Protein backbone atom coordinates (compact mmCIF):
# COMPACT_ATOMS: atom_id res chain seq x y z
CA MET A 1 0.00 0.00 0.00
CA PRO A 2 1.15 3.60 -0.45
CA PRO A 3 1.73 5.93 2.48
CA THR A 4 -1.52 6.69 4.20
CA SER A 5 -2.65 9.92 5.74
CA SER A 6 -5.71 11.14 7.55
CA SER A 7 -6.73 14.57 8.64
CA ILE A 8 -9.36 16.54 10.50
CA ARG A 9 -9.89 20.23 10.96
CA THR A 10 -11.29 21.55 14.19
CA GLU A 11 -10.97 25.02 15.65
CA ASN A 12 -8.91 25.25 18.84
CA SER A 13 -8.18 21.52 18.69
CA THR A 14 -5.04 19.96 20.10
CA VAL A 15 -5.55 16.85 17.95
CA PRO A 16 -2.85 16.50 15.25
CA THR A 17 -4.35 17.59 11.94
CA GLN A 18 -2.51 14.98 9.92
CA HIS A 19 -0.61 11.75 10.39
CA THR A 20 1.14 10.01 7.56
CA TYR A 21 2.34 6.41 7.77
CA SER A 22 4.69 4.49 5.53
CA ARG A 23 4.15 0.99 4.21
CA SER A 24 6.73 -0.32 6.66
CA GLY A 25 4.80 1.07 9.65
CA PHE A 26 6.63 4.31 10.48
CA ASP A 27 5.04 7.63 11.33
CA VAL A 28 6.50 9.91 8.66
CA THR A 29 4.40 12.93 9.54
CA PRO A 30 6.57 15.99 8.78
CA LEU A 31 8.01 17.48 11.95
CA SER A 32 7.48 21.13 12.73
CA GLU A 33 10.27 23.60 12.01
CA ALA A 34 10.61 24.20 15.74
CA ARG A 35 11.06 20.49 16.44
CA VAL A 36 13.65 20.12 13.67
CA ALA A 37 15.55 23.12 15.00
CA GLU A 38 15.52 21.57 18.47
CA LEU A 39 16.87 18.26 17.16
CA ALA A 40 19.52 20.05 15.10
CA THR A 41 21.05 21.63 18.20
CA LYS A 42 22.39 18.18 19.14
CA LEU A 43 24.29 17.70 15.87
CA THR A 44 28.02 17.99 15.31
CA PRO A 45 29.07 21.07 13.33
CA GLU A 46 29.66 18.90 10.22
CA ALA A 47 26.31 17.11 10.50
CA PHE A 48 24.58 20.48 10.95
CA ARG A 49 26.35 21.94 7.91
CA VAL A 50 25.36 18.99 5.74
CA THR A 51 21.79 18.35 6.88
CA GLN A 52 20.61 21.89 7.63
CA GLY A 53 22.72 23.78 5.10
CA SER A 54 22.57 21.32 2.18
CA GLY A 55 26.29 20.83 2.44
CA THR A 56 28.44 18.09 0.90
CA GLU A 57 31.29 16.36 2.69
CA PRO A 58 34.56 15.76 0.79
CA ALA A 59 34.72 12.52 -1.21
CA PHE A 60 36.23 9.49 0.54
CA CYS A 61 36.20 11.29 3.89
CA GLY A 62 32.91 10.04 5.36
CA ASN A 63 33.13 7.33 8.03
CA LEU A 64 30.45 5.20 6.35
CA VAL A 65 31.86 5.03 2.81
CA ASP A 66 33.61 1.70 3.39
CA ASN A 67 31.26 0.36 6.06
CA LYS A 68 30.50 -3.29 5.22
CA LEU A 69 28.59 -4.25 8.35
CA HIS A 70 24.97 -5.40 8.07
CA GLY A 71 22.45 -2.97 9.45
CA VAL A 72 20.33 0.11 8.86
CA TYR A 73 21.29 3.70 8.07
CA CYS A 74 19.02 6.22 9.81
CA CYS A 75 18.60 9.98 9.59
CA VAL A 76 21.08 11.59 11.98
CA VAL A 77 18.50 14.25 12.87
CA CYS A 78 15.19 12.44 13.50
CA GLY A 79 16.22 8.77 13.43
CA LEU A 80 13.99 7.64 10.58
CA PRO A 81 15.41 4.51 8.87
CA LEU A 82 16.46 5.46 5.34
CA PHE A 83 18.67 2.82 3.77
CA SER A 84 19.79 -0.74 4.46
CA SER A 85 23.10 -2.49 4.01
CA GLU A 86 21.19 -4.82 1.67
CA SER A 87 21.07 -2.07 -0.97
CA LYS A 88 24.52 -0.57 -0.34
CA PHE A 89 27.13 -0.89 -3.10
CA ASN A 90 30.57 0.46 -3.91
CA SER A 91 30.01 3.17 -6.49
CA GLY A 92 33.63 4.36 -6.48
CA THR A 93 32.44 7.94 -6.04
CA GLY A 94 33.64 8.39 -2.48
CA TRP A 95 30.21 8.64 -0.85
CA PRO A 96 27.96 5.92 0.65
CA SER A 97 25.79 4.70 -2.22
CA PHE A 98 22.55 2.71 -2.27
CA PHE A 99 20.25 1.55 -5.06
CA THR A 100 16.96 1.85 -3.08
CA PRO A 101 15.69 3.22 0.25
CA VAL A 102 14.17 0.96 2.90
CA ASP A 103 10.82 2.58 2.11
CA ALA A 104 10.11 5.01 -0.70
CA ALA A 105 7.99 7.12 1.66
CA HIS A 106 11.00 7.77 3.90
CA VAL A 107 12.87 9.85 1.32
CA SER A 108 11.61 12.95 -0.44
CA GLU A 109 13.02 14.61 -3.54
CA ARG A 110 13.33 18.13 -4.90
CA VAL A 111 15.06 19.78 -7.82
CA ASP A 112 18.48 21.25 -6.98
CA ARG A 113 19.70 23.89 -9.43
CA THR A 114 22.74 25.05 -7.48
CA HIS A 115 26.29 25.00 -8.86
CA GLY A 116 25.10 25.63 -12.42
CA MET A 117 23.51 22.20 -12.88
CA GLU A 118 20.19 20.48 -12.28
CA ARG A 119 20.22 17.53 -9.89
CA THR A 120 17.68 15.67 -7.77
CA GLU A 121 18.26 16.33 -4.10
CA ILE A 122 17.09 13.75 -1.57
CA ASN A 123 15.90 14.63 1.91
CA CYS A 124 14.53 12.84 4.94
CA ALA A 125 10.75 12.80 4.52
CA ARG A 126 10.13 13.32 8.22
CA CYS A 127 12.49 16.17 9.10
CA ARG A 128 13.41 17.45 5.61
CA SER A 129 17.14 17.24 6.37
CA HIS A 130 19.47 17.16 3.38
CA LEU A 131 20.90 13.70 2.68
CA GLY A 132 22.52 13.92 -0.74
CA HIS A 133 21.41 13.34 -4.34
CA VAL A 134 20.04 10.54 -6.49
CA PHE A 135 21.32 9.71 -9.98
CA SER A 136 20.23 7.32 -12.71
CA ASP A 137 23.55 5.49 -13.06
CA GLY A 138 23.09 2.86 -10.37
CA PRO A 139 22.97 -0.94 -10.55
CA ARG A 140 19.99 -3.17 -11.14
CA PRO A 141 17.27 -3.69 -10.20
CA THR A 142 16.49 0.04 -9.82
CA GLY A 143 19.22 1.63 -11.92
CA LEU A 144 19.47 4.37 -9.27
CA ARG A 145 22.37 5.61 -7.17
CA PHE A 146 21.38 7.34 -3.97
CA CYS A 147 24.56 9.20 -3.12
CA LEU A 148 24.60 10.20 0.56
CA ASN A 149 26.72 12.06 3.04
CA SER A 150 27.98 9.98 5.96
CA ALA A 151 27.40 12.98 8.21
CA ALA A 152 23.66 12.78 7.47
CA LEU A 153 23.42 9.19 8.71
CA THR A 154 23.59 7.15 11.88
CA PHE A 155 24.36 3.45 11.39
CA TYR A 156 22.88 0.71 13.59
CA GLU A 157 24.40 -2.71 13.18
CA LYS A 158 21.99 -5.60 12.78
CA GLY A 159 21.03 -6.96 16.19
CA SER A 160 21.94 -3.81 18.10
CA PRO A 161 19.28 -1.82 20.02
CA MET A 162 17.41 0.79 18.02
CA PRO A 163 16.08 4.00 19.59
CA ILE A 164 12.31 4.46 19.70
CA VAL A 165 12.43 7.08 16.92
CA SER A 166 14.00 4.45 14.63
CA GLN A 167 11.38 1.79 15.31
CA PRO A 168 8.01 1.29 13.61
CA ILE A 169 5.04 2.39 15.64
CA LYS A 170 3.33 -0.19 17.85
CA THR A 171 -0.02 -0.74 16.19
CA GLU A 172 -3.25 -2.36 17.34
CA THR A 173 -5.98 -4.01 15.28
CA ALA A 174 -9.76 -3.98 15.62
CA TYR A 175 -12.63 -5.19 13.45
CA PHE A 176 -15.97 -3.51 12.81
CA ALA A 177 -19.08 -4.55 10.84
CA GLY A 178 -21.79 -2.00 10.18
CA GLY A 179 -23.54 -2.80 6.93
CA CYS A 180 -21.88 -2.49 3.52
CA PHE A 181 -18.14 -2.47 4.14
CA TRP A 182 -17.47 0.11 1.44
CA GLY A 183 -18.71 3.00 3.56
CA VAL A 184 -17.39 1.67 6.87
CA GLU A 185 -13.95 1.30 5.33
CA HIS A 186 -14.03 4.84 3.95
CA VAL A 187 -15.05 6.46 7.23
CA PHE A 188 -12.32 4.66 9.15
CA GLN A 189 -9.77 5.64 6.51
CA GLU A 190 -10.59 9.25 7.38
CA ALA A 191 -9.73 8.80 11.05
CA PRO A 192 -6.43 10.31 12.21
CA GLY A 193 -4.27 7.51 13.57
CA VAL A 194 -5.77 4.82 11.37
CA ILE A 195 -3.01 3.34 9.26
CA THR A 196 -5.07 0.97 7.13
CA ALA A 197 -8.74 0.05 6.83
CA THR A 198 -9.40 -3.08 4.77
CA SER A 199 -12.72 -4.56 3.68
CA GLY A 200 -13.24 -8.27 4.21
CA TYR A 201 -15.27 -11.12 5.63
CA MET A 202 -15.17 -12.70 9.10
CA GLN A 203 -16.98 -14.67 11.79
CA GLY A 204 -18.15 -17.28 9.28
CA SER A 205 -17.66 -21.02 8.79
CA VAL A 206 -16.15 -21.17 5.29
CA GLU A 207 -12.45 -20.59 4.62
CA ARG A 208 -11.54 -17.88 2.11
CA PRO A 209 -15.12 -17.11 1.06
CA THR A 210 -15.95 -15.17 -2.07
CA TYR A 211 -18.31 -12.20 -2.19
CA GLU A 212 -20.87 -14.33 -4.01
CA GLN A 213 -20.72 -17.00 -1.28
CA VAL A 214 -21.09 -14.44 1.50
CA CYS A 215 -24.10 -12.88 -0.23
CA THR A 216 -26.00 -16.18 -0.03
CA GLY A 217 -26.09 -15.80 3.75
CA LYS A 218 -25.04 -19.43 4.15
CA THR A 219 -21.42 -18.89 5.20
CA GLY A 220 -22.19 -16.90 8.34
CA HIS A 221 -19.74 -14.14 7.48
CA ALA A 222 -20.23 -10.46 8.11
CA GLU A 223 -18.95 -7.73 5.83
CA ALA A 224 -16.32 -6.27 8.15
CA VAL A 225 -13.44 -3.84 8.13
CA GLN A 226 -10.02 -4.55 9.60
CA VAL A 227 -8.70 -1.37 11.22
CA ILE A 228 -4.99 -1.13 12.02
CA PHE A 229 -4.36 1.96 14.11
CA ASP A 230 -1.81 3.93 16.08
CA PRO A 231 -3.03 3.90 19.70
CA SER A 232 -0.87 6.91 20.52
CA VAL A 233 -3.09 8.97 18.21
CA ILE A 234 -6.51 7.31 18.44
CA SER A 235 -7.72 4.83 21.04
CA PHE A 236 -9.93 1.78 20.68
CA ARG A 237 -12.54 3.63 22.73
CA GLN A 238 -12.53 6.49 20.24
CA LEU A 239 -12.87 4.03 17.36
CA LEU A 240 -15.91 2.60 19.12
CA GLU A 241 -17.40 6.07 19.49
CA GLY A 242 -16.92 6.81 15.81
CA PHE A 243 -18.32 3.43 14.79
CA PHE A 244 -21.58 4.00 16.64
CA GLU A 245 -21.88 7.41 15.01
CA LEU A 246 -21.63 6.09 11.47
CA HIS A 247 -24.35 3.40 11.51
CA ASP A 248 -27.60 2.38 13.23
CA PRO A 249 -26.73 -0.40 15.69
CA THR A 250 -30.39 -1.16 16.44
CA GLN A 251 -31.06 -2.68 13.03
CA VAL A 252 -30.95 -6.48 12.97
CA ASN A 253 -29.17 -8.13 10.03
CA ARG A 254 -29.46 -5.04 7.89
CA GLN A 255 -28.26 -1.49 7.45
CA GLY A 256 -30.46 0.84 5.48
CA PRO A 257 -31.52 -0.81 2.22
CA ASP A 258 -29.04 -3.69 2.59
CA SER A 259 -30.47 -6.74 4.34
CA GLY A 260 -29.01 -10.11 5.24
CA THR A 261 -26.83 -11.55 7.99
CA GLN A 262 -23.71 -10.29 6.21
CA TYR A 263 -24.87 -6.72 6.95
CA ARG A 264 -25.19 -7.22 10.72
CA SER A 265 -23.62 -4.85 13.22
CA GLY A 266 -20.60 -6.22 15.04
CA VAL A 267 -17.46 -5.41 16.97
CA PHE A 268 -14.98 -8.28 16.73
CA CYS A 269 -12.23 -7.94 19.30
CA THR A 270 -8.62 -9.09 19.16
CA ASP A 271 -8.22 -9.68 22.89
CA ALA A 272 -10.04 -9.81 26.21
CA ALA A 273 -9.27 -6.16 26.97
CA GLN A 274 -10.99 -4.96 23.80
CA LEU A 275 -13.88 -7.33 24.45
CA ALA A 276 -14.47 -5.96 27.95
CA GLN A 277 -14.18 -2.38 26.76
CA ALA A 278 -16.65 -2.91 23.91
CA GLN A 279 -19.14 -4.67 26.17
CA GLU A 280 -18.94 -1.90 28.76
CA PHE A 281 -19.31 0.81 26.10
CA ILE A 282 -22.37 -0.84 24.55
CA ALA A 283 -23.96 -1.47 27.94
CA LYS A 284 -23.69 2.23 28.78
CA LEU A 285 -24.95 3.17 25.34
CA GLY A 286 -27.92 0.86 25.72
CA ALA A 287 -28.77 2.31 29.12
CA SER A 288 -28.82 5.83 27.69
CA THR A 289 -31.72 7.45 25.86
CA ARG A 290 -29.80 7.81 22.62
CA PHE A 291 -31.56 4.92 20.83
CA SER A 292 -35.26 4.07 21.02
CA ALA A 293 -34.66 0.38 20.22
CA PRO A 294 -32.28 -2.18 21.74
CA ILE A 295 -28.71 -2.29 20.38
CA ALA A 296 -28.25 -5.36 18.19
CA THR A 297 -24.48 -5.14 17.78
CA GLN A 298 -22.64 -8.45 18.21
CA VAL A 299 -19.57 -8.28 20.42
CA GLU A 300 -17.26 -11.28 20.34
CA LEU A 301 -13.66 -12.30 19.88
CA ALA A 302 -12.47 -12.05 16.29
CA LYS A 303 -12.16 -15.13 14.14
CA THR A 304 -10.16 -15.28 10.91
CA PHE A 305 -10.41 -12.18 8.74
CA TYR A 306 -10.38 -12.73 4.97
CA PRO A 307 -9.68 -9.61 2.85
CA ALA A 308 -12.33 -9.01 0.21
CA GLU A 309 -11.61 -9.01 -3.50
CA ASP A 310 -9.51 -6.15 -4.87
CA TYR A 311 -12.45 -4.37 -6.45
CA HIS A 312 -14.01 -3.91 -3.00
CA GLN A 313 -10.95 -2.14 -1.58
CA ASP A 314 -10.97 1.68 -1.53
CA TYR A 315 -14.34 1.49 -3.27
CA VAL A 316 -15.63 4.90 -2.23
CA GLN A 317 -12.34 6.56 -3.11
CA ASN A 318 -12.25 4.88 -6.52
CA THR A 319 -15.90 5.32 -7.49
CA GLY A 320 -17.21 8.27 -5.51
CA ARG A 321 -20.21 6.22 -4.36
CA VAL A 322 -20.92 6.78 -0.67
CA CYS A 323 -23.09 4.52 1.49
CA HIS A 324 -22.22 5.92 4.92
CA VAL A 325 -22.20 9.66 5.35
CA GLY A 326 -20.68 12.03 7.85
CA ASN A 327 -17.32 12.40 9.57
CA PRO A 328 -17.49 11.59 13.30
CA TRP A 329 -13.79 12.06 14.03
CA PRO A 330 -13.62 15.80 14.84
CA GLN A 331 -16.23 15.28 17.55
CA VAL A 332 -14.76 11.99 18.77
CA LEU A 333 -11.16 13.20 18.93
CA GLY A 334 -12.22 16.33 20.76
CA ALA A 335 -12.99 14.07 23.72
CA THR A 336 -10.54 12.62 26.21
CA LYS A 337 -9.10 9.24 25.30
């Protein structure tokens, strides 16, 4: 999948307006200028000159040019992993060279017209620090040569401890069913902190069911959405709140015009903690005066999730057809986690 981002706009809100995640699970949300400036105060004079002033170290002088150890090369400023020893090669140019980054979303590019030539400058996507340049004279399979400054990198040998800023975020997973999964998927994709929302089938008795099989109502599956999220940005409780805003949980085996057991309302939990939290939330919701009919939402531990066919994924984004309306996240994220 490509990098994902989600955003909300609320006046006087302390909720981050945007979070962007890479395919490899890192938060690559651009840091503020103030934060970058703070991090840069800890750099050596040479690292500051290179990363903050778009400088270039002399050829064959960097300490990582001849490094042959296995490991990962991270941004010296913010710690984001950028390149791996697996893609490092000896270019003979005098600078550390790689034919691909660890994740395309971790490196940004811009046109550099300094020194009377036009080159492609590469920068850290998270803190915008200057790394070097990329050229089209590299080896296969990419044919690219990412030419970097040693001063812009910190190397961590394979097996050695990595700082938190150089580790992927610790994600959690939850599953929600609320009628046609197209709209449920789309609404969750809009939630800040949600990394991926995937349509699929679960809680049934047939392995790897097809859409046609599920529609017969004989497999027992529900159209559900797998939500992988960053709990430091959005909590499971907040996901529950948003879920009960986007559909009618009092309808039994239907949602709007769609009827059948596959359209039932459900929260399918990955562990006992989620299960208890969902049960408590629904009990309080049912005791309130919000709904005039009993809540019919199933709450149970998740069984195997089977992703739906490709044409069901990102359906609203690809077609513009919307079956769930509204954006509950500004209101939900305005509350305390």
